Amino acid sequence: MTSHIIAGIGVDVVEVSDMKKIRFKKRFAEYFLTAREMRSIPAGRGVAQYLASRFALKEAVIKAFPGKLSPLDFYVEKNGPRPSVVFVHPARNKKYFVHVSITHTARIAAAVALVHAR
């Protein structure tokens, strides 16, 4: 059995209405989403909720990470029911594993991240 050391825990909450107020949503999204994630932004009414969820998740991971981390240093994949975090730098994927969870309502988006050192 392999043991993992918890390196950090992070949580973040975002008001969906704050995302609705942003005039240039794509420009704002480029600040924290990778090009890969930008391609997953839904068209239409779901944009604000998607951005709020992803922003909360990115902030939760950054808060949980034991070192310096930029929102563009990792991306979120959704394969199946759970999102997963993939670091852009392969060495970080070997050193850390991140458990994440996102939830949202019409008003808020929240995310929690738990970083394990391998």
Protein backbone atom coordinates (compact mmCIF):
# COMPACT_ATOMS: atom_id res chain seq x y z
CA MET A 1 0.00 0.00 0.00
CA THR A 2 1.34 3.40 -0.99
CA SER A 3 1.00 6.21 1.54
CA HIS A 4 0.30 9.76 0.46
CA ILE A 5 1.02 12.86 2.48
CA ILE A 6 -1.55 15.63 2.37
CA ALA A 7 0.29 18.67 1.10
CA GLY A 8 -2.62 21.10 1.29
CA ILE A 9 -6.36 21.75 1.26
CA GLY A 10 -8.07 24.64 -0.49
CA VAL A 11 -11.62 25.87 -0.94
CA ASP A 12 -13.18 28.73 -2.88
CA VAL A 13 -16.67 30.13 -3.51
CA VAL A 14 -17.67 32.41 -6.40
CA GLU A 15 -20.92 34.28 -7.00
CA VAL A 16 -22.28 33.42 -10.46
CA SER A 17 -23.72 36.95 -10.69
CA ASP A 18 -20.17 38.35 -10.55
CA MET A 19 -19.33 36.38 -13.70
CA LYS A 20 -22.51 37.59 -15.40
CA LYS A 21 -21.40 41.20 -14.84
CA ILE A 22 -18.08 40.72 -16.67
CA ARG A 23 -18.33 42.41 -20.05
CA PHE A 24 -15.47 40.65 -21.86
CA LYS A 25 -15.84 37.11 -20.56
CA LYS A 26 -13.42 35.53 -23.04
CA ARG A 27 -10.67 38.01 -22.17
CA PHE A 28 -11.28 37.39 -18.47
CA ALA A 29 -11.21 33.62 -19.00
CA GLU A 30 -7.83 33.82 -20.75
CA TYR A 31 -6.37 35.00 -17.43
CA PHE A 32 -7.06 31.68 -15.71
CA LEU A 33 -7.98 29.05 -18.34
CA THR A 34 -5.51 27.24 -20.59
CA ALA A 35 -6.16 27.11 -24.36
CA ARG A 36 -7.42 23.56 -23.89
CA GLU A 37 -9.95 24.73 -21.28
CA MET A 38 -10.99 27.71 -23.41
CA ARG A 39 -12.24 25.27 -26.04
CA SER A 40 -14.63 23.77 -23.45
CA ILE A 41 -16.45 27.02 -22.63
CA PRO A 42 -20.12 26.43 -23.44
CA ALA A 43 -22.04 28.77 -25.69
CA GLY A 44 -25.08 30.62 -24.44
CA ARG A 45 -26.48 30.93 -20.96
CA GLY A 46 -24.15 28.47 -19.22
CA VAL A 47 -21.02 30.60 -19.67
CA ALA A 48 -21.20 32.47 -16.35
CA GLN A 49 -21.83 29.31 -14.34
CA TYR A 50 -18.99 27.48 -16.13
CA LEU A 51 -16.55 30.35 -15.54
CA ALA A 52 -17.57 30.65 -11.89
CA SER A 53 -17.07 26.90 -11.37
CA ARG A 54 -13.69 26.82 -13.08
CA PHE A 55 -12.48 29.99 -11.35
CA ALA A 56 -13.43 28.53 -7.94
CA LEU A 57 -11.69 25.28 -8.79
CA LYS A 58 -8.51 26.99 -9.96
CA GLU A 59 -8.41 29.13 -6.81
CA ALA A 60 -8.98 26.10 -4.57
CA VAL A 61 -6.08 24.22 -6.20
CA ILE A 62 -3.77 27.24 -5.93
CA LYS A 63 -4.65 27.65 -2.24
CA ALA A 64 -3.99 23.94 -1.60
CA PHE A 65 -0.71 23.70 -3.52
CA PRO A 66 2.39 23.78 -1.30
CA GLY A 67 4.42 26.01 -3.64
CA LYS A 68 3.90 28.80 -6.13
CA LEU A 69 1.32 27.92 -8.77
CA SER A 70 -0.32 29.93 -11.54
CA PRO A 71 -3.80 29.13 -12.90
CA LEU A 72 -2.15 28.42 -16.26
CA ASP A 73 0.23 25.85 -14.71
CA PHE A 74 -2.54 23.23 -14.76
CA TYR A 75 -5.78 22.40 -16.50
CA VAL A 76 -8.96 20.62 -15.54
CA GLU A 77 -10.18 17.60 -17.47
CA LYS A 78 -13.63 16.14 -17.18
CA ASN A 79 -13.51 12.45 -18.06
CA GLY A 80 -16.64 10.93 -16.63
CA PRO A 81 -18.41 12.32 -13.57
CA ARG A 82 -15.37 13.78 -11.78
CA PRO A 83 -13.01 16.54 -12.84
CA SER A 84 -9.29 15.91 -12.59
CA VAL A 85 -6.29 18.22 -12.45
CA VAL A 86 -3.37 17.80 -14.85
CA PHE A 87 -0.22 19.86 -14.38
CA VAL A 88 1.35 21.39 -17.50
CA HIS A 89 4.84 20.48 -16.21
CA PRO A 90 5.03 16.65 -16.18
CA ALA A 91 7.32 16.57 -13.11
CA ARG A 92 4.51 17.99 -10.97
CA ASN A 93 2.17 15.17 -12.09
CA LYS A 94 4.73 12.68 -10.76
CA LYS A 95 5.17 14.55 -7.48
CA TYR A 96 1.55 15.59 -6.72
CA PHE A 97 -1.97 14.28 -7.13
CA VAL A 98 -5.00 16.54 -6.66
CA HIS A 99 -8.52 15.50 -5.68
CA VAL A 100 -11.10 18.15 -6.63
CA SER A 101 -14.83 18.62 -6.34
CA ILE A 102 -17.03 21.33 -7.85
CA THR A 103 -20.63 22.18 -7.08
CA HIS A 104 -22.88 25.00 -8.17
CA THR A 105 -26.36 26.44 -7.99
CA ALA A 106 -27.85 29.26 -10.02
CA ARG A 107 -26.25 31.69 -7.52
CA ILE A 108 -22.92 30.23 -6.39
CA ALA A 109 -20.11 27.94 -7.49
CA ALA A 110 -17.84 26.25 -4.97
CA ALA A 111 -14.81 24.00 -5.21
CA VAL A 112 -12.54 22.11 -2.86
CA ALA A 113 -9.07 20.70 -3.59
CA LEU A 114 -6.91 18.25 -1.68
CA VAL A 115 -3.29 17.98 -2.82
CA HIS A 116 -1.33 14.81 -2.06
CA ALA A 117 2.44 14.54 -2.29
CA ARG A 118 3.30 11.19 -3.88
